[in-house]
């Protein structure tokens, strides 16, 4: 039995607003659109987070 997924269409990458952890020892980040708080804390280490822009794959709604 084989599974064919067919040709994959390329995923477009776009500038995306994210929250990034300020703790140098932590790699935590999240897309701004997935944050429920106005200024979130890192969910991994509870440090403050800063806004950044990263080039990420575009998500479909």
PDB file of N, CA and C in Angstrom:
ATOM      1  N   UNK A   1       0.848  -1.169   0.000  1.00  0.00           N
ATOM      2  CA  UNK A   1       0.000   0.000   0.000  1.00  0.00           C
ATOM      3  C   UNK A   1       0.897   1.236   0.000  1.00  0.00           C
ATOM      4  N   UNK A   2       0.632   2.185  -0.882  1.00  0.00           N
ATOM      5  CA  UNK A   2       1.417   3.416  -0.894  1.00  0.00           C
ATOM      6  C   UNK A   2       0.478   4.613  -0.807  1.00  0.00           C
ATOM      7  N   UNK A   3       0.997   5.655  -0.249  1.00  0.00           N
ATOM      8  CA  UNK A   3       0.226   6.879  -0.105  1.00  0.00           C
ATOM      9  C   UNK A   3       0.836   7.953  -0.981  1.00  0.00           C
ATOM     10  N   UNK A   4       0.026   8.571  -1.788  1.00  0.00           N
ATOM     11  CA  UNK A   4       0.499   9.641  -2.652  1.00  0.00           C
ATOM     12  C   UNK A   4      -0.118  10.950  -2.184  1.00  0.00           C
ATOM     13  N   UNK A   5       0.731  11.860  -1.863  1.00  0.00           N
ATOM     14  CA  UNK A   5       0.252  13.172  -1.425  1.00  0.00           C
ATOM     15  C   UNK A   5       0.226  14.163  -2.578  1.00  0.00           C
ATOM     16  N   UNK A   6       0.707  13.742  -3.709  1.00  0.00           N
ATOM     17  CA  UNK A   6       0.732  14.625  -4.864  1.00  0.00           C
ATOM     18  C   UNK A   6       1.808  15.678  -4.716  1.00  0.00           C
ATOM     19  N   UNK A   7       1.927  16.535  -5.712  1.00  0.00           N
ATOM     20  CA  UNK A   7       2.958  17.575  -5.649  1.00  0.00           C
ATOM     21  C   UNK A   7       2.607  18.602  -4.563  1.00  0.00           C
ATOM     22  N   UNK A   8       3.620  18.989  -3.820  1.00  0.00           N
ATOM     23  CA  UNK A   8       3.404  20.001  -2.782  1.00  0.00           C
ATOM     24  C   UNK A   8       3.601  21.378  -3.381  1.00  0.00           C
ATOM     25  N   UNK A   9       2.681  22.287  -3.043  1.00  0.00           N
ATOM     26  CA  UNK A   9       2.880  23.643  -3.522  1.00  0.00           C
ATOM     27  C   UNK A   9       3.812  24.354  -2.553  1.00  0.00           C
ATOM     28  N   UNK A  10       4.668  25.227  -3.040  1.00  0.00           N
ATOM     29  CA  UNK A  10       5.631  25.897  -2.166  1.00  0.00           C
ATOM     30  C   UNK A  10       4.914  26.783  -1.144  1.00  0.00           C
ATOM     31  N   UNK A  11       5.462  26.812   0.047  1.00  0.00           N
ATOM     32  CA  UNK A  11       4.900  27.639   1.110  1.00  0.00           C
ATOM     33  C   UNK A  11       5.533  29.018   1.018  1.00  0.00           C
ATOM     34  N   UNK A  12       4.689  30.027   0.950  1.00  0.00           N
ATOM     35  CA  UNK A  12       5.184  31.402   0.856  1.00  0.00           C
ATOM     36  C   UNK A  12       5.614  31.874   2.231  1.00  0.00           C
ATOM     37  N   UNK A  13       6.763  32.549   2.300  1.00  0.00           N
ATOM     38  CA  UNK A  13       7.240  33.104   3.557  1.00  0.00           C
ATOM     39  C   UNK A  13       6.978  34.606   3.558  1.00  0.00           C
ATOM     40  N   UNK A  14       6.535  35.116   4.710  1.00  0.00           N
ATOM     41  CA  UNK A  14       6.171  36.531   4.824  1.00  0.00           C
ATOM     42  C   UNK A  14       6.737  37.107   6.120  1.00  0.00           C
ATOM     43  N   UNK A  15       6.900  38.433   6.148  1.00  0.00           N
ATOM     44  CA  UNK A  15       7.280  39.109   7.380  1.00  0.00           C
ATOM     45  C   UNK A  15       6.140  38.932   8.382  1.00  0.00           C
ATOM     46  N   UNK A  16       6.469  38.474   9.585  1.00  0.00           N
ATOM     47  CA  UNK A  16       5.466  38.152  10.592  1.00  0.00           C
ATOM     48  C   UNK A  16       5.853  38.786  11.922  1.00  0.00           C
ATOM     49  N   UNK A  17       4.910  39.473  12.550  1.00  0.00           N
ATOM     50  CA  UNK A  17       5.149  40.045  13.874  1.00  0.00           C
ATOM     51  C   UNK A  17       5.133  38.923  14.905  1.00  0.00           C
ATOM     52  N   UNK A  18       6.176  38.879  15.742  1.00  0.00           N
ATOM     53  CA  UNK A  18       6.274  37.855  16.776  1.00  0.00           C
ATOM     54  C   UNK A  18       6.672  38.501  18.096  1.00  0.00           C
ATOM     55  N   UNK A  19       6.445  37.773  19.173  1.00  0.00           N
ATOM     56  CA  UNK A  19       6.983  38.095  20.487  1.00  0.00           C
ATOM     57  C   UNK A  19       8.166  37.170  20.708  1.00  0.00           C
ATOM     58  N   UNK A  20       9.319  37.719  21.092  1.00  0.00           N
ATOM     59  CA  UNK A  20      10.518  36.915  21.332  1.00  0.00           C
ATOM     60  C   UNK A  20      10.979  37.112  22.768  1.00  0.00           C
ATOM     61  N   UNK A  21      11.402  36.032  23.398  1.00  0.00           N
ATOM     62  CA  UNK A  21      11.862  36.068  24.780  1.00  0.00           C
ATOM     63  C   UNK A  21      13.126  36.923  24.884  1.00  0.00           C
ATOM     64  N   UNK A  22      13.224  37.715  25.962  1.00  0.00           N
ATOM     65  CA  UNK A  22      14.395  38.566  26.183  1.00  0.00           C
ATOM     66  C   UNK A  22      15.524  37.832  26.906  1.00  0.00           C
ATOM     67  N   UNK A  23      15.253  36.646  27.435  1.00  0.00           N
ATOM     68  CA  UNK A  23      16.256  35.852  28.133  1.00  0.00           C
ATOM     69  C   UNK A  23      17.178  35.207  27.099  1.00  0.00           C
ATOM     70  N   UNK A  24      18.466  35.515  27.155  1.00  0.00           N
ATOM     71  CA  UNK A  24      19.421  34.997  26.167  1.00  0.00           C
ATOM     72  C   UNK A  24      19.532  33.475  26.185  1.00  0.00           C
ATOM     73  N   UNK A  25      19.204  32.852  27.308  1.00  0.00           N
ATOM     74  CA  UNK A  25      19.303  31.397  27.419  1.00  0.00           C
ATOM     75  C   UNK A  25      18.031  30.687  26.964  1.00  0.00           C
ATOM     76  N   UNK A  26      17.028  31.440  26.544  1.00  0.00           N
ATOM     77  CA  UNK A  26      15.747  30.865  26.139  1.00  0.00           C
ATOM     78  C   UNK A  26      15.486  31.183  24.666  1.00  0.00           C
ATOM     79  N   UNK A  27      14.986  30.218  23.935  1.00  0.00           N
ATOM     80  CA  UNK A  27      14.686  30.419  22.508  1.00  0.00           C
ATOM     81  C   UNK A  27      13.186  30.611  22.276  1.00  0.00           C
ATOM     82  N   UNK A  28      12.428  30.948  23.327  1.00  0.00           N
ATOM     83  CA  UNK A  28      10.979  31.067  23.207  1.00  0.00           C
ATOM     84  C   UNK A  28      10.537  32.229  22.333  1.00  0.00           C
ATOM     85  N   UNK A  29       9.514  31.982  21.534  1.00  0.00           N
ATOM     86  CA  UNK A  29       8.890  33.026  20.725  1.00  0.00           C
ATOM     87  C   UNK A  29       7.501  32.548  20.341  1.00  0.00           C
ATOM     88  N   UNK A  30       6.639  33.491  19.937  1.00  0.00           N
ATOM     89  CA  UNK A  30       5.298  33.139  19.466  1.00  0.00           C
ATOM     90  C   UNK A  30       4.830  34.206  18.480  1.00  0.00           C
ATOM     91  N   UNK A  31       3.989  33.786  17.565  1.00  0.00           N
ATOM     92  CA  UNK A  31       3.399  34.738  16.632  1.00  0.00           C
ATOM     93  C   UNK A  31       2.509  35.701  17.416  1.00  0.00           C
ATOM     94  N   UNK A  32       2.575  36.971  17.062  1.00  0.00           N
ATOM     95  CA  UNK A  32       1.778  37.985  17.751  1.00  0.00           C
ATOM     96  C   UNK A  32       0.283  37.660  17.674  1.00  0.00           C
ATOM     97  N   UNK A  33      -0.158  37.117  16.561  1.00  0.00           N
ATOM     98  CA  UNK A  33      -1.578  36.820  16.380  1.00  0.00           C
ATOM     99  C   UNK A  33      -2.062  35.673  17.270  1.00  0.00           C
ATOM    100  N   UNK A  34      -1.137  34.924  17.891  1.00  0.00           N
ATOM    101  CA  UNK A  34      -1.516  33.828  18.785  1.00  0.00           C
ATOM    102  C   UNK A  34      -1.364  34.193  20.258  1.00  0.00           C
ATOM    103  N   UNK A  35      -1.083  35.455  20.534  1.00  0.00           N
ATOM    104  CA  UNK A  35      -0.935  35.909  21.907  1.00  0.00           C
ATOM    105  C   UNK A  35      -2.260  36.473  22.401  1.00  0.00           C
ATOM    106  N   UNK A  36      -2.650  36.105  23.617  1.00  0.00           N
ATOM    107  CA  UNK A  36      -3.892  36.610  24.193  1.00  0.00           C
ATOM    108  C   UNK A  36      -3.654  37.826  25.075  1.00  0.00           C
ATOM    109  N   UNK A  37      -2.412  38.143  25.383  1.00  0.00           N
ATOM    110  CA  UNK A  37      -2.077  39.262  26.250  1.00  0.00           C
ATOM    111  C   UNK A  37      -1.465  40.392  25.440  1.00  0.00           C
ATOM    112  N   UNK A  38      -1.637  41.617  25.935  1.00  0.00           N
ATOM    113  CA  UNK A  38      -1.073  42.779  25.244  1.00  0.00           C
ATOM    114  C   UNK A  38       0.449  42.753  25.284  1.00  0.00           C
ATOM    115  N   UNK A  39       1.019  42.373  26.404  1.00  0.00           N
ATOM    116  CA  UNK A  39       2.468  42.195  26.544  1.00  0.00           C
ATOM    117  C   UNK A  39       2.702  40.880  27.291  1.00  0.00           C
ATOM    118  N   UNK A  40       2.852  39.794  26.556  1.00  0.00           N
ATOM    119  CA  UNK A  40       2.958  38.468  27.190  1.00  0.00           C
ATOM    120  C   UNK A  40       4.300  38.222  27.860  1.00  0.00           C
ATOM    121  N   UNK A  41       4.304  37.247  28.767  1.00  0.00           N
ATOM    122  CA  UNK A  41       5.536  36.711  29.329  1.00  0.00           C
ATOM    123  C   UNK A  41       5.844  35.424  28.585  1.00  0.00           C
ATOM    124  N   UNK A  42       7.109  35.069  28.545  1.00  0.00           N
ATOM    125  CA  UNK A  42       7.517  33.841  27.862  1.00  0.00           C
ATOM    126  C   UNK A  42       6.848  32.640  28.523  1.00  0.00           C
ATOM    127  N   UNK A  43       6.185  31.794  27.748  1.00  0.00           N
ATOM    128  CA  UNK A  43       5.543  30.622  28.329  1.00  0.00           C
ATOM    129  C   UNK A  43       6.546  29.559  28.794  1.00  0.00           C
ATOM    130  N   UNK A  44       7.801  29.676  28.377  1.00  0.00           N
ATOM    131  CA  UNK A  44       8.812  28.689  28.761  1.00  0.00           C
ATOM    132  C   UNK A  44       9.551  29.080  30.037  1.00  0.00           C
ATOM    133  N   UNK A  45       9.901  30.378  30.180  1.00  0.00           N
ATOM    134  CA  UNK A  45      10.714  30.788  31.337  1.00  0.00           C
ATOM    135  C   UNK A  45      10.123  31.978  32.099  1.00  0.00           C
ATOM    136  N   UNK A  46       8.999  32.507  31.668  1.00  0.00           N
ATOM    137  CA  UNK A  46       8.293  33.631  32.296  1.00  0.00           C
ATOM    138  C   UNK A  46       9.060  34.946  32.249  1.00  0.00           C
ATOM    139  N   UNK A  47      10.040  35.083  31.354  1.00  0.00           N
ATOM    140  CA  UNK A  47      10.747  36.356  31.164  1.00  0.00           C
ATOM    141  C   UNK A  47       9.899  37.274  30.302  1.00  0.00           C
ATOM    142  N   UNK A  48      10.193  38.584  30.339  1.00  0.00           N
ATOM    143  CA  UNK A  48       9.483  39.510  29.449  1.00  0.00           C
ATOM    144  C   UNK A  48       9.776  39.176  27.990  1.00  0.00           C
ATOM    145  N   UNK A  49       8.891  39.629  27.099  1.00  0.00           N
ATOM    146  CA  UNK A  49       9.066  39.399  25.668  1.00  0.00           C
ATOM    147  C   UNK A  49       9.047  40.730  24.928  1.00  0.00           C
ATOM    148  N   UNK A  50       9.776  40.803  23.824  1.00  0.00           N
ATOM    149  CA  UNK A  50       9.817  41.985  22.962  1.00  0.00           C
ATOM    150  C   UNK A  50       9.256  41.639  21.601  1.00  0.00           C
ATOM    151  N   UNK A  51       8.688  42.657  20.934  1.00  0.00           N
ATOM    152  CA  UNK A  51       8.189  42.458  19.575  1.00  0.00           C
ATOM    153  C   UNK A  51       9.355  42.414  18.601  1.00  0.00           C
ATOM    154  N   UNK A  52       9.247  41.514  17.623  1.00  0.00           N
ATOM    155  CA  UNK A  52      10.214  41.395  16.534  1.00  0.00           C
ATOM    156  C   UNK A  52       9.455  41.066  15.256  1.00  0.00           C
ATOM    157  N   UNK A  53      10.145  41.179  14.142  1.00  0.00           N
ATOM    158  CA  UNK A  53       9.598  40.736  12.860  1.00  0.00           C
ATOM    159  C   UNK A  53      10.505  39.640  12.338  1.00  0.00           C
ATOM    160  N   UNK A  54       9.900  38.497  11.990  1.00  0.00           N
ATOM    161  CA  UNK A  54      10.658  37.353  11.441  1.00  0.00           C
ATOM    162  C   UNK A  54       9.997  36.924  10.136  1.00  0.00           C
ATOM    163  N   UNK A  55      10.809  36.355   9.260  1.00  0.00           N
ATOM    164  CA  UNK A  55      10.288  35.810   8.009  1.00  0.00           C
ATOM    165  C   UNK A  55       9.900  34.352   8.308  1.00  0.00           C
ATOM    166  N   UNK A  56       8.587  34.083   8.260  1.00  0.00           N
ATOM    167  CA  UNK A  56       8.055  32.760   8.597  1.00  0.00           C
ATOM    168  C   UNK A  56       7.110  32.280   7.518  1.00  0.00           C
ATOM    169  N   UNK A  57       6.873  30.980   7.459  1.00  0.00           N
ATOM    170  CA  UNK A  57       5.868  30.468   6.505  1.00  0.00           C
ATOM    171  C   UNK A  57       4.499  31.073   6.810  1.00  0.00           C
ATOM    172  N   UNK A  58       3.796  31.440   5.766  1.00  0.00           N
ATOM    173  CA  UNK A  58       2.466  32.013   5.914  1.00  0.00           C
ATOM    174  C   UNK A  58       1.496  30.921   6.353  1.00  0.00           C
ATOM    175  N   UNK A  59       0.670  31.219   7.351  1.00  0.00           N
ATOM    176  CA  UNK A  59      -0.323  30.271   7.820  1.00  0.00           C
ATOM    177  C   UNK A  59      -1.663  30.557   7.155  1.00  0.00           C
ATOM    178  N   UNK A  60      -2.376  29.488   6.842  1.00  0.00           N
ATOM    179  CA  UNK A  60      -3.711  29.655   6.268  1.00  0.00           C
ATOM    180  C   UNK A  60      -4.705  29.788   7.393  1.00  0.00           C
ATOM    181  N   UNK A  61      -5.668  30.695   7.222  1.00  0.00           N
ATOM    182  CA  UNK A  61      -6.689  30.902   8.261  1.00  0.00           C
ATOM    183  C   UNK A  61      -7.694  29.807   8.296  1.00  0.00           C
TER     184      UNK A  61
END
